[in-house]
């Protein structure tokens, strides 16, 4: 991906039923470190996929919809995203208030917008 699109900075994958951790791993392997905006329909994304997303060091905006397979462990990985300004998570039913508090009690240098919706575990 990076060899063909060396200046790629925004990725939107919506309605892609086969989206899973291997897609994220491919982005990391291809050194897509220019990505600053990542929006995913997270259907099959797991905590391990989010851990890999945390390697996109210049990510400023992260939006994951349908976070059904994510747990509190996933949200703890967001502290690695030093330049993250906007975080939006939808349908993360396994997130708990304890996990959210733990994740956001760590220092954030740039984060200014957090949207967490349809999270029945809170």
PDB file of N, CA and C in Angstrom:
ATOM      1  N   UNK A   1       0.824  -1.187   0.000  1.00  0.00           N
ATOM      2  CA  UNK A   1       0.000   0.000   0.000  1.00  0.00           C
ATOM      3  C   UNK A   1       0.872   1.256   0.000  1.00  0.00           C
ATOM      4  N   UNK A   2       1.847   1.310   0.889  1.00  0.00           N
ATOM      5  CA  UNK A   2       2.670   2.509   0.998  1.00  0.00           C
ATOM      6  C   UNK A   2       3.524   2.733  -0.242  1.00  0.00           C
ATOM      7  N   UNK A   3       3.976   1.659  -0.883  1.00  0.00           N
ATOM      8  CA  UNK A   3       4.814   1.841  -2.061  1.00  0.00           C
ATOM      9  C   UNK A   3       4.030   2.459  -3.221  1.00  0.00           C
ATOM     10  N   UNK A   4       2.736   2.223  -3.265  1.00  0.00           N
ATOM     11  CA  UNK A   4       1.906   2.812  -4.305  1.00  0.00           C
ATOM     12  C   UNK A   4       1.322   4.149  -3.880  1.00  0.00           C
ATOM     13  N   UNK A   5       1.157   4.348  -2.600  1.00  0.00           N
ATOM     14  CA  UNK A   5       0.535   5.559  -2.070  1.00  0.00           C
ATOM     15  C   UNK A   5       1.398   6.136  -0.956  1.00  0.00           C
ATOM     16  N   UNK A   6       2.553   6.676  -1.296  1.00  0.00           N
ATOM     17  CA  UNK A   6       3.493   7.114  -0.256  1.00  0.00           C
ATOM     18  C   UNK A   6       3.001   8.282   0.588  1.00  0.00           C
ATOM     19  N   UNK A   7       1.960   8.977   0.137  1.00  0.00           N
ATOM     20  CA  UNK A   7       1.451  10.116   0.902  1.00  0.00           C
ATOM     21  C   UNK A   7       0.060   9.861   1.465  1.00  0.00           C
ATOM     22  N   UNK A   8      -0.345   8.593   1.516  1.00  0.00           N
ATOM     23  CA  UNK A   8      -1.648   8.227   2.044  1.00  0.00           C
ATOM     24  C   UNK A   8      -1.786   8.726   3.470  1.00  0.00           C
ATOM     25  N   UNK A   9      -2.837   9.512   3.731  1.00  0.00           N
ATOM     26  CA  UNK A   9      -3.013   9.992   5.098  1.00  0.00           C
ATOM     27  C   UNK A   9      -4.393   9.724   5.669  1.00  0.00           C
ATOM     28  N   UNK A  10      -5.327   9.251   4.857  1.00  0.00           N
ATOM     29  CA  UNK A  10      -6.678   8.996   5.356  1.00  0.00           C
ATOM     30  C   UNK A  10      -7.204   7.689   4.781  1.00  0.00           C
ATOM     31  N   UNK A  11      -7.758   6.845   5.659  1.00  0.00           N
ATOM     32  CA  UNK A  11      -8.316   5.563   5.238  1.00  0.00           C
ATOM     33  C   UNK A  11      -9.705   5.426   5.845  1.00  0.00           C
ATOM     34  N   UNK A  12     -10.692   5.122   5.000  1.00  0.00           N
ATOM     35  CA  UNK A  12     -12.061   4.858   5.438  1.00  0.00           C
ATOM     36  C   UNK A  12     -12.459   3.487   4.922  1.00  0.00           C
ATOM     37  N   UNK A  13     -12.764   2.574   5.817  1.00  0.00           N
ATOM     38  CA  UNK A  13     -13.257   1.239   5.460  1.00  0.00           C
ATOM     39  C   UNK A  13     -14.600   1.069   6.146  1.00  0.00           C
ATOM     40  N   UNK A  14     -15.670   1.212   5.390  1.00  0.00           N
ATOM     41  CA  UNK A  14     -17.018   1.149   5.941  1.00  0.00           C
ATOM     42  C   UNK A  14     -17.799   0.072   5.199  1.00  0.00           C
ATOM     43  N   UNK A  15     -18.466  -0.783   5.934  1.00  0.00           N
ATOM     44  CA  UNK A  15     -19.255  -1.833   5.322  1.00  0.00           C
ATOM     45  C   UNK A  15     -18.429  -2.952   4.721  1.00  0.00           C
ATOM     46  N   UNK A  16     -17.178  -3.079   5.138  1.00  0.00           N
ATOM     47  CA  UNK A  16     -16.302  -4.139   4.644  1.00  0.00           C
ATOM     48  C   UNK A  16     -16.409  -5.297   5.631  1.00  0.00           C
ATOM     49  N   UNK A  17     -17.218  -6.283   5.281  1.00  0.00           N
ATOM     50  CA  UNK A  17     -17.516  -7.368   6.212  1.00  0.00           C
ATOM     51  C   UNK A  17     -16.298  -8.199   6.579  1.00  0.00           C
ATOM     52  N   UNK A  18     -15.326  -8.266   5.702  1.00  0.00           N
ATOM     53  CA  UNK A  18     -14.146  -9.097   5.954  1.00  0.00           C
ATOM     54  C   UNK A  18     -13.027  -8.346   6.664  1.00  0.00           C
ATOM     55  N   UNK A  19     -13.296  -7.135   7.139  1.00  0.00           N
ATOM     56  CA  UNK A  19     -12.254  -6.368   7.815  1.00  0.00           C
ATOM     57  C   UNK A  19     -11.894  -7.049   9.133  1.00  0.00           C
ATOM     58  N   UNK A  20     -10.643  -7.370   9.304  1.00  0.00           N
ATOM     59  CA  UNK A  20     -10.189  -8.026  10.513  1.00  0.00           C
ATOM     60  C   UNK A  20      -8.743  -7.631  10.789  1.00  0.00           C
ATOM     61  N   UNK A  21      -8.172  -8.234  11.780  1.00  0.00           N
ATOM     62  CA  UNK A  21      -6.831  -7.858  12.234  1.00  0.00           C
ATOM     63  C   UNK A  21      -5.776  -7.943  11.133  1.00  0.00           C
ATOM     64  N   UNK A  22      -5.918  -8.860  10.202  1.00  0.00           N
ATOM     65  CA  UNK A  22      -4.919  -9.014   9.146  1.00  0.00           C
ATOM     66  C   UNK A  22      -4.823  -7.763   8.276  1.00  0.00           C
ATOM     67  N   UNK A  23      -5.927  -7.070   8.088  1.00  0.00           N
ATOM     68  CA  UNK A  23      -5.909  -5.812   7.333  1.00  0.00           C
ATOM     69  C   UNK A  23      -5.028  -4.797   8.054  1.00  0.00           C
ATOM     70  N   UNK A  24      -5.206  -4.684   9.347  1.00  0.00           N
ATOM     71  CA  UNK A  24      -4.411  -3.747  10.147  1.00  0.00           C
ATOM     72  C   UNK A  24      -2.945  -4.165  10.104  1.00  0.00           C
ATOM     73  N   UNK A  25      -2.689  -5.449  10.236  1.00  0.00           N
ATOM     74  CA  UNK A  25      -1.310  -5.939  10.196  1.00  0.00           C
ATOM     75  C   UNK A  25      -0.649  -5.592   8.863  1.00  0.00           C
ATOM     76  N   UNK A  26      -1.393  -5.702   7.773  1.00  0.00           N
ATOM     77  CA  UNK A  26      -0.851  -5.353   6.453  1.00  0.00           C
ATOM     78  C   UNK A  26      -0.480  -3.876   6.396  1.00  0.00           C
ATOM     79  N   UNK A  27      -1.327  -3.004   6.957  1.00  0.00           N
ATOM     80  CA  UNK A  27      -0.997  -1.576   6.976  1.00  0.00           C
ATOM     81  C   UNK A  27       0.292  -1.329   7.741  1.00  0.00           C
ATOM     82  N   UNK A  28       0.467  -2.000   8.869  1.00  0.00           N
ATOM     83  CA  UNK A  28       1.664  -1.810   9.685  1.00  0.00           C
ATOM     84  C   UNK A  28       2.889  -2.342   8.945  1.00  0.00           C
ATOM     85  N   UNK A  29       2.774  -3.540   8.374  1.00  0.00           N
ATOM     86  CA  UNK A  29       3.897  -4.143   7.646  1.00  0.00           C
ATOM     87  C   UNK A  29       4.305  -3.265   6.467  1.00  0.00           C
ATOM     88  N   UNK A  30       3.325  -2.672   5.798  1.00  0.00           N
ATOM     89  CA  UNK A  30       3.605  -1.826   4.631  1.00  0.00           C
ATOM     90  C   UNK A  30       4.080  -0.438   5.041  1.00  0.00           C
ATOM     91  N   UNK A  31       4.247  -0.226   6.338  1.00  0.00           N
ATOM     92  CA  UNK A  31       4.783   1.036   6.860  1.00  0.00           C
ATOM     93  C   UNK A  31       3.935   2.240   6.459  1.00  0.00           C
ATOM     94  N   UNK A  32       2.645   2.109   6.643  1.00  0.00           N
ATOM     95  CA  UNK A  32       1.736   3.223   6.330  1.00  0.00           C
ATOM     96  C   UNK A  32       1.749   4.219   7.482  1.00  0.00           C
ATOM     97  N   UNK A  33       2.917   4.707   7.812  1.00  0.00           N
ATOM     98  CA  UNK A  33       3.035   5.614   8.951  1.00  0.00           C
ATOM     99  C   UNK A  33       2.646   7.046   8.624  1.00  0.00           C
ATOM    100  N   UNK A  34       2.191   7.277   7.402  1.00  0.00           N
ATOM    101  CA  UNK A  34       1.703   8.603   7.043  1.00  0.00           C
ATOM    102  C   UNK A  34       0.219   8.760   7.358  1.00  0.00           C
ATOM    103  N   UNK A  35      -0.438   7.695   7.771  1.00  0.00           N
ATOM    104  CA  UNK A  35      -1.882   7.747   8.032  1.00  0.00           C
ATOM    105  C   UNK A  35      -2.148   8.577   9.281  1.00  0.00           C
ATOM    106  N   UNK A  36      -2.977   9.600   9.126  1.00  0.00           N
ATOM    107  CA  UNK A  36      -3.368  10.448  10.246  1.00  0.00           C
ATOM    108  C   UNK A  36      -4.850  10.309  10.575  1.00  0.00           C
ATOM    109  N   UNK A  37      -5.628   9.720   9.664  1.00  0.00           N
ATOM    110  CA  UNK A  37      -7.076   9.595   9.835  1.00  0.00           C
ATOM    111  C   UNK A  37      -7.481   8.169   9.469  1.00  0.00           C
ATOM    112  N   UNK A  38      -7.986   7.415  10.442  1.00  0.00           N
ATOM    113  CA  UNK A  38      -8.382   6.030  10.204  1.00  0.00           C
ATOM    114  C   UNK A  38      -9.801   5.827  10.703  1.00  0.00           C
ATOM    115  N   UNK A  39     -10.682   5.418   9.788  1.00  0.00           N
ATOM    116  CA  UNK A  39     -12.078   5.174  10.130  1.00  0.00           C
ATOM    117  C   UNK A  39     -12.438   3.763   9.680  1.00  0.00           C
ATOM    118  N   UNK A  40     -12.841   2.936  10.640  1.00  0.00           N
ATOM    119  CA  UNK A  40     -13.077   1.531  10.365  1.00  0.00           C
ATOM    120  C   UNK A  40     -14.461   1.096  10.815  1.00  0.00           C
ATOM    121  N   UNK A  41     -15.055   0.202  10.032  1.00  0.00           N
ATOM    122  CA  UNK A  41     -16.226  -0.549  10.449  1.00  0.00           C
ATOM    123  C   UNK A  41     -15.624  -1.791  11.086  1.00  0.00           C
ATOM    124  N   UNK A  42     -15.518  -1.804  12.393  1.00  0.00           N
ATOM    125  CA  UNK A  42     -14.664  -2.749  13.107  1.00  0.00           C
ATOM    126  C   UNK A  42     -15.153  -4.158  13.269  1.00  0.00           C
ATOM    127  N   UNK A  43     -16.239  -4.539  12.634  1.00  0.00           N
ATOM    128  CA  UNK A  43     -16.861  -5.848  12.748  1.00  0.00           C
ATOM    129  C   UNK A  43     -16.043  -6.973  13.342  1.00  0.00           C
ATOM    130  N   UNK A  44     -14.942  -7.334  12.726  1.00  0.00           N
ATOM    131  CA  UNK A  44     -14.138  -8.463  13.190  1.00  0.00           C
ATOM    132  C   UNK A  44     -12.830  -8.040  13.847  1.00  0.00           C
ATOM    133  N   UNK A  45     -12.683  -6.779  14.130  1.00  0.00           N
ATOM    134  CA  UNK A  45     -11.475  -6.268  14.767  1.00  0.00           C
ATOM    135  C   UNK A  45     -11.428  -6.713  16.224  1.00  0.00           C
ATOM    136  N   UNK A  46     -10.250  -7.142  16.674  1.00  0.00           N
ATOM    137  CA  UNK A  46     -10.076  -7.593  18.063  1.00  0.00           C
ATOM    138  C   UNK A  46      -9.126  -6.650  18.798  1.00  0.00           C
ATOM    139  N   UNK A  47      -8.931  -6.934  20.066  1.00  0.00           N
ATOM    140  CA  UNK A  47      -7.990  -6.146  20.869  1.00  0.00           C
ATOM    141  C   UNK A  47      -6.598  -6.161  20.252  1.00  0.00           C
ATOM    142  N   UNK A  48      -6.205  -7.279  19.660  1.00  0.00           N
ATOM    143  CA  UNK A  48      -4.890  -7.376  19.036  1.00  0.00           C
ATOM    144  C   UNK A  48      -4.785  -6.427  17.835  1.00  0.00           C
ATOM    145  N   UNK A  49      -5.872  -6.274  17.093  1.00  0.00           N
ATOM    146  CA  UNK A  49      -5.892  -5.331  15.973  1.00  0.00           C
ATOM    147  C   UNK A  49      -5.716  -3.904  16.440  1.00  0.00           C
ATOM    148  N   UNK A  50      -6.368  -3.572  17.548  1.00  0.00           N
ATOM    149  CA  UNK A  50      -6.228  -2.221  18.103  1.00  0.00           C
ATOM    150  C   UNK A  50      -4.810  -2.005  18.610  1.00  0.00           C
ATOM    151  N   UNK A  51      -4.214  -3.033  19.163  1.00  0.00           N
ATOM    152  CA  UNK A  51      -2.818  -2.917  19.598  1.00  0.00           C
ATOM    153  C   UNK A  51      -1.931  -2.576  18.402  1.00  0.00           C
ATOM    154  N   UNK A  52      -2.211  -3.178  17.249  1.00  0.00           N
ATOM    155  CA  UNK A  52      -1.448  -2.864  16.039  1.00  0.00           C
ATOM    156  C   UNK A  52      -1.739  -1.437  15.562  1.00  0.00           C
ATOM    157  N   UNK A  53      -2.984  -0.992  15.676  1.00  0.00           N
ATOM    158  CA  UNK A  53      -3.339   0.381  15.289  1.00  0.00           C
ATOM    159  C   UNK A  53      -2.521   1.374  16.096  1.00  0.00           C
ATOM    160  N   UNK A  54      -2.240   1.032  17.340  1.00  0.00           N
ATOM    161  CA  UNK A  54      -1.482   1.955  18.199  1.00  0.00           C
ATOM    162  C   UNK A  54      -0.062   2.184  17.700  1.00  0.00           C
ATOM    163  N   UNK A  55       0.371   1.402  16.693  1.00  0.00           N
ATOM    164  CA  UNK A  55       1.681   1.611  16.087  1.00  0.00           C
ATOM    165  C   UNK A  55       1.656   2.677  14.993  1.00  0.00           C
ATOM    166  N   UNK A  56       0.463   3.130  14.608  1.00  0.00           N
ATOM    167  CA  UNK A  56       0.357   4.215  13.615  1.00  0.00           C
ATOM    168  C   UNK A  56       0.625   5.522  14.353  1.00  0.00           C
ATOM    169  N   UNK A  57       1.890   5.826  14.496  1.00  0.00           N
ATOM    170  CA  UNK A  57       2.332   6.862  15.435  1.00  0.00           C
ATOM    171  C   UNK A  57       1.818   8.271  15.152  1.00  0.00           C
ATOM    172  N   UNK A  58       1.454   8.586  13.924  1.00  0.00           N
ATOM    173  CA  UNK A  58       1.005   9.942  13.629  1.00  0.00           C
ATOM    174  C   UNK A  58      -0.510  10.052  13.507  1.00  0.00           C
ATOM    175  N   UNK A  59      -1.212   9.026  13.941  1.00  0.00           N
ATOM    176  CA  UNK A  59      -2.664   9.021  13.867  1.00  0.00           C
ATOM    177  C   UNK A  59      -3.242  10.158  14.706  1.00  0.00           C
ATOM    178  N   UNK A  60      -4.089  10.967  14.090  1.00  0.00           N
ATOM    179  CA  UNK A  60      -4.729  12.082  14.780  1.00  0.00           C
ATOM    180  C   UNK A  60      -6.218  11.842  15.010  1.00  0.00           C
ATOM    181  N   UNK A  61      -6.827  11.059  14.113  1.00  0.00           N
ATOM    182  CA  UNK A  61      -8.260  10.787  14.226  1.00  0.00           C
ATOM    183  C   UNK A  61      -8.494   9.291  14.062  1.00  0.00           C
ATOM    184  N   UNK A  62      -9.185   8.700  15.028  1.00  0.00           N
ATOM    185  CA  UNK A  62      -9.507   7.279  14.977  1.00  0.00           C
ATOM    186  C   UNK A  62     -10.989   7.107  15.259  1.00  0.00           C
ATOM    187  N   UNK A  63     -11.652   6.457  14.323  1.00  0.00           N
ATOM    188  CA  UNK A  63     -13.081   6.189  14.471  1.00  0.00           C
ATOM    189  C   UNK A  63     -13.309   4.713  14.167  1.00  0.00           C
ATOM    190  N   UNK A  64     -13.839   3.978  15.157  1.00  0.00           N
ATOM    191  CA  UNK A  64     -14.142   2.567  14.964  1.00  0.00           C
ATOM    192  C   UNK A  64     -15.616   2.354  15.292  1.00  0.00           C
ATOM    193  N   UNK A  65     -16.367   1.899  14.308  1.00  0.00           N
ATOM    194  CA  UNK A  65     -17.770   1.568  14.511  1.00  0.00           C
ATOM    195  C   UNK A  65     -17.901   0.066  14.680  1.00  0.00           C
ATOM    196  N   UNK A  66     -18.911  -0.352  15.395  1.00  0.00           N
ATOM    197  CA  UNK A  66     -19.179  -1.774  15.611  1.00  0.00           C
ATOM    198  C   UNK A  66     -17.992  -2.466  16.259  1.00  0.00           C
ATOM    199  N   UNK A  67     -17.665  -2.002  17.440  1.00  0.00           N
ATOM    200  CA  UNK A  67     -16.532  -2.517  18.216  1.00  0.00           C
ATOM    201  C   UNK A  67     -16.946  -3.723  19.048  1.00  0.00           C
ATOM    202  N   UNK A  68     -17.807  -4.560  18.526  1.00  0.00           N
ATOM    203  CA  UNK A  68     -18.395  -5.652  19.298  1.00  0.00           C
ATOM    204  C   UNK A  68     -17.372  -6.596  19.917  1.00  0.00           C
ATOM    205  N   UNK A  69     -16.214  -6.777  19.295  1.00  0.00           N
ATOM    206  CA  UNK A  69     -15.220  -7.720  19.795  1.00  0.00           C
ATOM    207  C   UNK A  69     -14.156  -7.077  20.674  1.00  0.00           C
ATOM    208  N   UNK A  70     -14.277  -5.781  20.922  1.00  0.00           N
ATOM    209  CA  UNK A  70     -13.246  -5.089  21.702  1.00  0.00           C
ATOM    210  C   UNK A  70     -13.593  -5.068  23.181  1.00  0.00           C
ATOM    211  N   UNK A  71     -12.546  -5.127  23.993  1.00  0.00           N
ATOM    212  CA  UNK A  71     -12.706  -5.079  25.449  1.00  0.00           C
ATOM    213  C   UNK A  71     -11.953  -3.867  25.997  1.00  0.00           C
ATOM    214  N   UNK A  72     -11.959  -3.726  27.300  1.00  0.00           N
ATOM    215  CA  UNK A  72     -11.214  -2.640  27.943  1.00  0.00           C
ATOM    216  C   UNK A  72      -9.736  -2.676  27.583  1.00  0.00           C
ATOM    217  N   UNK A  73      -9.192  -3.850  27.320  1.00  0.00           N
ATOM    218  CA  UNK A  73      -7.781  -3.966  26.941  1.00  0.00           C
ATOM    219  C   UNK A  73      -7.478  -3.144  25.696  1.00  0.00           C
ATOM    220  N   UNK A  74      -8.419  -3.107  24.774  1.00  0.00           N
ATOM    221  CA  UNK A  74      -8.208  -2.355  23.530  1.00  0.00           C
ATOM    222  C   UNK A  74      -8.073  -0.861  23.804  1.00  0.00           C
ATOM    223  N   UNK A  75      -8.950  -0.334  24.610  1.00  0.00           N
ATOM    224  CA  UNK A  75      -8.926   1.115  24.833  1.00  0.00           C
ATOM    225  C   UNK A  75      -7.670   1.549  25.596  1.00  0.00           C
ATOM    226  N   UNK A  76      -7.090   0.647  26.352  1.00  0.00           N
ATOM    227  CA  UNK A  76      -5.849   0.983  27.059  1.00  0.00           C
ATOM    228  C   UNK A  76      -4.688   1.211  26.093  1.00  0.00           C
ATOM    229  N   UNK A  77      -4.764   0.611  24.902  1.00  0.00           N
ATOM    230  CA  UNK A  77      -3.686   0.781  23.916  1.00  0.00           C
ATOM    231  C   UNK A  77      -3.678   2.162  23.279  1.00  0.00           C
ATOM    232  N   UNK A  78      -4.753   2.911  23.414  1.00  0.00           N
ATOM    233  CA  UNK A  78      -4.805   4.223  22.777  1.00  0.00           C
ATOM    234  C   UNK A  78      -3.805   5.212  23.378  1.00  0.00           C
ATOM    235  N   UNK A  79      -3.269   4.926  24.553  1.00  0.00           N
ATOM    236  CA  UNK A  79      -2.300   5.853  25.148  1.00  0.00           C
ATOM    237  C   UNK A  79      -1.011   5.928  24.332  1.00  0.00           C
ATOM    238  N   UNK A  80      -0.762   4.936  23.479  1.00  0.00           N
ATOM    239  CA  UNK A  80       0.429   4.969  22.620  1.00  0.00           C
ATOM    240  C   UNK A  80       0.283   5.993  21.490  1.00  0.00           C
ATOM    241  N   UNK A  81      -0.941   6.392  21.199  1.00  0.00           N
ATOM    242  CA  UNK A  81      -1.190   7.327  20.097  1.00  0.00           C
ATOM    243  C   UNK A  81      -0.989   8.752  20.598  1.00  0.00           C
ATOM    244  N   UNK A  82       0.238   9.176  20.610  1.00  0.00           N
ATOM    245  CA  UNK A  82       0.613  10.464  21.213  1.00  0.00           C
ATOM    246  C   UNK A  82      -0.042  11.665  20.568  1.00  0.00           C
ATOM    247  N   UNK A  83      -0.339  11.585  19.257  1.00  0.00           N
ATOM    248  CA  UNK A  83      -0.876  12.735  18.540  1.00  0.00           C
ATOM    249  C   UNK A  83      -2.384  12.644  18.327  1.00  0.00           C
ATOM    250  N   UNK A  84      -3.016  11.651  18.930  1.00  0.00           N
ATOM    251  CA  UNK A  84      -4.452  11.464  18.747  1.00  0.00           C
ATOM    252  C   UNK A  84      -5.228  12.666  19.274  1.00  0.00           C
ATOM    253  N   UNK A  85      -6.057  13.238  18.406  1.00  0.00           N
ATOM    254  CA  UNK A  85      -6.892  14.378  18.772  1.00  0.00           C
ATOM    255  C   UNK A  85      -8.360  13.992  18.912  1.00  0.00           C
ATOM    256  N   UNK A  86      -8.805  13.049  18.067  1.00  0.00           N
ATOM    257  CA  UNK A  86     -10.215  12.660  18.051  1.00  0.00           C
ATOM    258  C   UNK A  86     -10.341  11.148  18.127  1.00  0.00           C
ATOM    259  N   UNK A  87     -11.204  10.689  19.040  1.00  0.00           N
ATOM    260  CA  UNK A  87     -11.464   9.262  19.193  1.00  0.00           C
ATOM    261  C   UNK A  87     -12.962   9.051  19.234  1.00  0.00           C
ATOM    262  N   UNK A  88     -13.454   8.170  18.361  1.00  0.00           N
ATOM    263  CA  UNK A  88     -14.877   7.856  18.318  1.00  0.00           C
ATOM    264  C   UNK A  88     -15.036   6.340  18.291  1.00  0.00           C
ATOM    265  N   UNK A  89     -15.784   5.811  19.254  1.00  0.00           N
ATOM    266  CA  UNK A  89     -16.017   4.369  19.358  1.00  0.00           C
ATOM    267  C   UNK A  89     -17.516   4.124  19.470  1.00  0.00           C
ATOM    268  N   UNK A  90     -18.032   3.225  18.634  1.00  0.00           N
ATOM    269  CA  UNK A  90     -19.462   2.927  18.624  1.00  0.00           C
ATOM    270  C   UNK A  90     -19.684   1.431  18.817  1.00  0.00           C
ATOM    271  N   UNK A  91     -20.673   1.105  19.605  1.00  0.00           N
ATOM    272  CA  UNK A  91     -21.088  -0.280  19.883  1.00  0.00           C
ATOM    273  C   UNK A  91     -19.980  -1.108  20.508  1.00  0.00           C
ATOM    274  N   UNK A  92     -19.350  -0.571  21.497  1.00  0.00           N
ATOM    275  CA  UNK A  92     -18.337  -1.315  22.253  1.00  0.00           C
ATOM    276  C   UNK A  92     -18.988  -1.781  23.545  1.00  0.00           C
ATOM    277  N   UNK A  93     -19.807  -2.812  23.443  1.00  0.00           N
ATOM    278  CA  UNK A  93     -20.611  -3.260  24.578  1.00  0.00           C
ATOM    279  C   UNK A  93     -19.779  -3.837  25.716  1.00  0.00           C
ATOM    280  N   UNK A  94     -18.563  -4.230  25.440  1.00  0.00           N
ATOM    281  CA  UNK A  94     -17.725  -4.821  26.494  1.00  0.00           C
ATOM    282  C   UNK A  94     -16.930  -3.791  27.278  1.00  0.00           C
ATOM    283  N   UNK A  95     -16.921  -2.541  26.834  1.00  0.00           N
ATOM    284  CA  UNK A  95     -16.216  -1.510  27.590  1.00  0.00           C
ATOM    285  C   UNK A  95     -16.930  -1.293  28.915  1.00  0.00           C
ATOM    286  N   UNK A  96     -16.131  -1.063  29.953  1.00  0.00           N
ATOM    287  CA  UNK A  96     -16.693  -0.776  31.277  1.00  0.00           C
ATOM    288  C   UNK A  96     -16.264   0.621  31.711  1.00  0.00           C
ATOM    289  N   UNK A  97     -16.953   1.134  32.692  1.00  0.00           N
ATOM    290  CA  UNK A  97     -16.588   2.442  33.239  1.00  0.00           C
ATOM    291  C   UNK A  97     -15.167   2.398  33.787  1.00  0.00           C
ATOM    292  N   UNK A  98     -14.800   1.305  34.416  1.00  0.00           N
ATOM    293  CA  UNK A  98     -13.446   1.157  34.969  1.00  0.00           C
ATOM    294  C   UNK A  98     -12.394   1.247  33.861  1.00  0.00           C
ATOM    295  N   UNK A  99     -12.635   0.586  32.725  1.00  0.00           N
ATOM    296  CA  UNK A  99     -11.700   0.620  31.607  1.00  0.00           C
ATOM    297  C   UNK A  99     -11.565   2.003  31.000  1.00  0.00           C
ATOM    298  N   UNK A 100     -12.696   2.692  30.852  1.00  0.00           N
ATOM    299  CA  UNK A 100     -12.680   4.045  30.296  1.00  0.00           C
ATOM    300  C   UNK A 100     -11.895   4.981  31.211  1.00  0.00           C
ATOM    301  N   UNK A 101     -12.153   4.907  32.496  1.00  0.00           N
ATOM    302  CA  UNK A 101     -11.443   5.762  33.455  1.00  0.00           C
ATOM    303  C   UNK A 101      -9.952   5.455  33.431  1.00  0.00           C
ATOM    304  N   UNK A 102      -9.591   4.180  33.409  1.00  0.00           N
ATOM    305  CA  UNK A 102      -8.171   3.805  33.383  1.00  0.00           C
ATOM    306  C   UNK A 102      -7.497   4.317  32.120  1.00  0.00           C
ATOM    307  N   UNK A 103      -8.184   4.206  30.992  1.00  0.00           N
ATOM    308  CA  UNK A 103      -7.588   4.637  29.721  1.00  0.00           C
ATOM    309  C   UNK A 103      -7.382   6.138  29.670  1.00  0.00           C
ATOM    310  N   UNK A 104      -8.332   6.889  30.174  1.00  0.00           N
ATOM    311  CA  UNK A 104      -8.253   8.334  30.045  1.00  0.00           C
ATOM    312  C   UNK A 104      -7.657   9.028  31.263  1.00  0.00           C
ATOM    313  N   UNK A 105      -7.193   8.267  32.231  1.00  0.00           N
ATOM    314  CA  UNK A 105      -6.488   8.886  33.355  1.00  0.00           C
ATOM    315  C   UNK A 105      -5.002   9.025  33.053  1.00  0.00           C
ATOM    316  N   UNK A 106      -4.582   8.445  31.942  1.00  0.00           N
ATOM    317  CA  UNK A 106      -3.188   8.602  31.497  1.00  0.00           C
ATOM    318  C   UNK A 106      -3.056   9.932  30.769  1.00  0.00           C
ATOM    319  N   UNK A 107      -1.880  10.521  30.793  1.00  0.00           N
ATOM    320  CA  UNK A 107      -1.706  11.825  30.135  1.00  0.00           C
ATOM    321  C   UNK A 107      -1.999  11.770  28.634  1.00  0.00           C
ATOM    322  N   UNK A 108      -2.721  12.736  28.160  1.00  0.00           N
ATOM    323  CA  UNK A 108      -3.019  12.896  26.729  1.00  0.00           C
ATOM    324  C   UNK A 108      -2.546  14.289  26.344  1.00  0.00           C
ATOM    325  N   UNK A 109      -1.686  14.366  25.351  1.00  0.00           N
ATOM    326  CA  UNK A 109      -1.150  15.657  24.979  1.00  0.00           C
ATOM    327  C   UNK A 109      -2.072  16.438  24.056  1.00  0.00           C
ATOM    328  N   UNK A 110      -2.728  15.759  23.114  1.00  0.00           N
ATOM    329  CA  UNK A 110      -3.477  16.470  22.086  1.00  0.00           C
ATOM    330  C   UNK A 110      -4.960  16.130  22.024  1.00  0.00           C
ATOM    331  N   UNK A 111      -5.423  15.105  22.715  1.00  0.00           N
ATOM    332  CA  UNK A 111      -6.807  14.670  22.544  1.00  0.00           C
ATOM    333  C   UNK A 111      -7.779  15.775  22.946  1.00  0.00           C
ATOM    334  N   UNK A 112      -8.744  16.037  22.049  1.00  0.00           N
ATOM    335  CA  UNK A 112      -9.714  17.089  22.318  1.00  0.00           C
ATOM    336  C   UNK A 112     -11.143  16.639  22.132  1.00  0.00           C
ATOM    337  N   UNK A 113     -11.378  15.534  21.416  1.00  0.00           N
ATOM    338  CA  UNK A 113     -12.728  15.043  21.191  1.00  0.00           C
ATOM    339  C   UNK A 113     -12.770  13.541  21.458  1.00  0.00           C
ATOM    340  N   UNK A 114     -13.702  13.123  22.318  1.00  0.00           N
ATOM    341  CA  UNK A 114     -13.935  11.704  22.578  1.00  0.00           C
ATOM    342  C   UNK A 114     -15.426  11.456  22.449  1.00  0.00           C
ATOM    343  N   UNK A 115     -15.790  10.516  21.584  1.00  0.00           N
ATOM    344  CA  UNK A 115     -17.191  10.122  21.409  1.00  0.00           C
ATOM    345  C   UNK A 115     -17.286   8.625  21.664  1.00  0.00           C
ATOM    346  N   UNK A 116     -18.077   8.255  22.630  1.00  0.00           N
ATOM    347  CA  UNK A 116     -18.310   6.839  22.923  1.00  0.00           C
ATOM    348  C   UNK A 116     -19.813   6.658  22.946  1.00  0.00           C
ATOM    349  N   UNK A 117     -20.341   5.892  21.975  1.00  0.00           N
ATOM    350  CA  UNK A 117     -21.792   5.741  21.863  1.00  0.00           C
ATOM    351  C   UNK A 117     -22.185   4.266  21.796  1.00  0.00           C
ATOM    352  N   UNK A 118     -23.403   4.003  22.211  1.00  0.00           N
ATOM    353  CA  UNK A 118     -23.977   2.655  22.172  1.00  0.00           C
ATOM    354  C   UNK A 118     -23.095   1.647  22.899  1.00  0.00           C
ATOM    355  N   UNK A 119     -22.633   2.003  24.063  1.00  0.00           N
ATOM    356  CA  UNK A 119     -21.786   1.123  24.868  1.00  0.00           C
ATOM    357  C   UNK A 119     -22.578   0.718  26.105  1.00  0.00           C
ATOM    358  N   UNK A 120     -23.287  -0.379  26.002  1.00  0.00           N
ATOM    359  CA  UNK A 120     -24.209  -0.794  27.055  1.00  0.00           C
ATOM    360  C   UNK A 120     -23.511  -1.191  28.350  1.00  0.00           C
ATOM    361  N   UNK A 121     -22.218  -1.457  28.317  1.00  0.00           N
ATOM    362  CA  UNK A 121     -21.492  -1.852  29.519  1.00  0.00           C
ATOM    363  C   UNK A 121     -21.138  -0.691  30.447  1.00  0.00           C
ATOM    364  N   UNK A 122     -21.397   0.518  29.986  1.00  0.00           N
ATOM    365  CA  UNK A 122     -21.050   1.688  30.819  1.00  0.00           C
ATOM    366  C   UNK A 122     -22.193   2.060  31.731  1.00  0.00           C
TER     367      UNK A 122
END
